[in-house]
Amino acid sequence: MGSTTIQARFGESINPLGRFVLDRARALGMSRTELVRRLAYRDVGNGHKALSELLTTGKIPPLIAQHLADALQVDKELVASVMAATAQQQRDEEAQRTLARETVYSTAFQPHLPTRIQQMRG
């Protein structure tokens, strides 16, 4: 039979915060439900949804932000630095997407105004 210790699902460890939460919860031998309870969620279903969103997107809901350090038994400064690393990764990824869009646009761009001016003159 499988372990009840938290395991990463598809896409849940692509950001530093997701990896940190999963690694720390595993080190403490926690299940997802135990982690959700430690994060002070009364409604376990909503807690699971919020935890899944944190793990996949790196965006931290306010309730989780308040309780994450205590739930994982780490210093708040450590959590803050992991959150900062996640935010930096997200900014870098957005910059890469922007650069890729601009590259595609500039490659495909064909000026049309000068052609129209030449047609009017000719």
Protein backbone atom coordinates (compact mmCIF):
# COMPACT_ATOMS: atom_id res chain seq x y z
CA MET A 1 0.00 0.00 0.00
CA GLY A 2 1.21 3.54 -0.77
CA SER A 3 2.51 6.03 1.71
CA THR A 4 0.26 8.74 3.08
CA THR A 5 3.16 11.17 3.01
CA ILE A 6 2.54 14.09 0.64
CA GLN A 7 3.65 13.49 -2.94
CA ALA A 8 3.98 15.93 -5.82
CA ARG A 9 1.26 15.82 -8.44
CA PHE A 10 1.73 17.00 -12.02
CA GLY A 11 3.00 20.57 -12.11
CA GLU A 12 3.19 21.04 -8.36
CA SER A 13 6.93 21.39 -8.04
CA ILE A 14 7.75 23.82 -10.85
CA ASN A 15 8.32 26.79 -8.57
CA PRO A 16 10.58 27.23 -5.54
CA LEU A 17 7.68 27.64 -3.11
CA GLY A 18 5.98 24.46 -4.32
CA ARG A 19 9.21 22.47 -4.05
CA PHE A 20 9.92 23.89 -0.61
CA VAL A 21 6.47 23.07 0.77
CA LEU A 22 6.52 19.55 -0.65
CA ASP A 23 10.07 18.82 0.55
CA ARG A 24 9.45 20.17 4.04
CA ALA A 25 6.11 18.36 4.42
CA ARG A 26 7.77 15.11 3.31
CA ALA A 27 10.59 15.65 5.78
CA LEU A 28 8.00 16.02 8.53
CA GLY A 29 6.10 12.96 7.27
CA MET A 30 2.89 14.92 6.68
CA SER A 31 0.00 13.99 4.44
CA ARG A 32 -1.82 16.62 2.40
CA THR A 33 -4.73 16.58 4.81
CA GLU A 34 -2.47 17.03 7.83
CA LEU A 35 -0.76 19.97 6.14
CA VAL A 36 -4.13 21.53 5.30
CA ARG A 37 -5.19 21.21 8.93
CA ARG A 38 -1.93 22.75 10.12
CA LEU A 39 -2.64 25.65 7.75
CA ALA A 40 -5.79 26.32 9.84
CA TYR A 41 -8.37 25.37 7.21
CA ARG A 42 -11.65 24.28 8.78
CA ASP A 43 -13.03 23.16 5.42
CA VAL A 44 -10.55 20.53 4.29
CA GLY A 45 -11.81 20.63 0.70
CA ASN A 46 -11.16 24.36 0.39
CA GLY A 47 -7.79 23.83 2.06
CA HIS A 48 -6.84 21.20 -0.51
CA LYS A 49 -7.81 23.56 -3.34
CA ALA A 50 -5.77 26.40 -1.84
CA LEU A 51 -2.78 24.12 -1.23
CA SER A 52 -2.93 22.79 -4.78
CA GLU A 53 -3.03 26.34 -6.17
CA LEU A 54 -0.02 27.32 -4.06
CA LEU A 55 1.93 24.27 -5.24
CA THR A 56 1.13 24.78 -8.92
CA THR A 57 1.24 28.57 -9.23
CA GLY A 58 3.42 29.76 -6.36
CA LYS A 59 0.72 32.26 -5.38
CA ILE A 60 0.11 32.12 -1.67
CA PRO A 61 -3.41 32.72 -0.30
CA PRO A 62 -3.56 34.98 2.79
CA LEU A 63 -4.60 32.21 5.22
CA ILE A 64 -1.73 30.00 4.11
CA ALA A 65 0.69 32.94 4.32
CA GLN A 66 -0.26 33.44 7.96
CA HIS A 67 0.29 29.81 8.95
CA LEU A 68 2.85 28.34 6.54
CA ALA A 69 5.97 28.84 8.64
CA ASP A 70 4.36 27.31 11.72
CA ALA A 71 2.81 24.45 9.73
CA LEU A 72 6.20 23.55 8.25
CA GLN A 73 8.08 24.27 11.50
CA VAL A 74 10.47 26.79 9.93
CA ASP A 75 11.35 30.45 10.45
CA LYS A 76 9.13 33.04 8.81
CA GLU A 77 12.24 34.59 7.23
CA LEU A 78 12.95 31.34 5.41
CA VAL A 79 9.42 31.25 4.02
CA ALA A 80 9.74 34.91 2.99
CA SER A 81 12.97 34.21 1.11
CA VAL A 82 11.43 31.24 -0.71
CA MET A 83 8.43 33.40 -1.62
CA ALA A 84 10.82 36.06 -2.96
CA ALA A 85 12.64 33.43 -5.05
CA THR A 86 9.31 32.27 -6.45
CA ALA A 87 8.29 35.84 -7.32
CA GLN A 88 11.64 36.39 -9.06
CA GLN A 89 11.21 33.18 -11.06
CA GLN A 90 7.74 34.30 -12.12
CA ARG A 91 9.08 37.71 -13.23
CA ASP A 92 11.87 36.02 -15.19
CA GLU A 93 9.43 33.64 -16.89
CA GLU A 94 7.15 36.55 -17.84
CA ALA A 95 10.13 38.45 -19.26
CA GLN A 96 11.02 35.39 -21.37
CA ARG A 97 7.44 35.13 -22.67
CA THR A 98 7.43 38.86 -23.50
CA LEU A 99 10.74 38.59 -25.34
CA ALA A 100 9.49 35.58 -27.30
CA ARG A 101 6.30 37.45 -28.32
CA GLU A 102 8.29 40.51 -29.35
CA THR A 103 10.73 38.37 -31.35
CA VAL A 104 7.88 36.69 -33.22
CA TYR A 105 6.25 40.06 -33.89
CA SER A 106 9.43 41.74 -35.11
CA THR A 107 10.28 38.78 -37.35
CA ALA A 108 6.84 38.79 -38.93
CA PHE A 109 6.49 42.56 -39.14
CA GLN A 110 6.23 43.99 -42.62
CA PRO A 111 5.97 47.74 -42.94
CA HIS A 112 3.02 48.79 -45.04
CA LEU A 113 2.99 52.57 -44.79
CA PRO A 114 5.98 53.24 -47.07
CA THR A 115 4.46 50.96 -49.69
CA ARG A 116 1.24 52.97 -49.66
CA ILE A 117 3.16 56.24 -49.98
CA GLN A 118 5.07 54.85 -52.96
CA GLN A 119 1.80 53.75 -54.58
CA MET A 120 0.35 57.25 -54.15
CA ARG A 121 3.43 58.81 -55.74
CA GLY A 122 3.66 56.35 -58.58
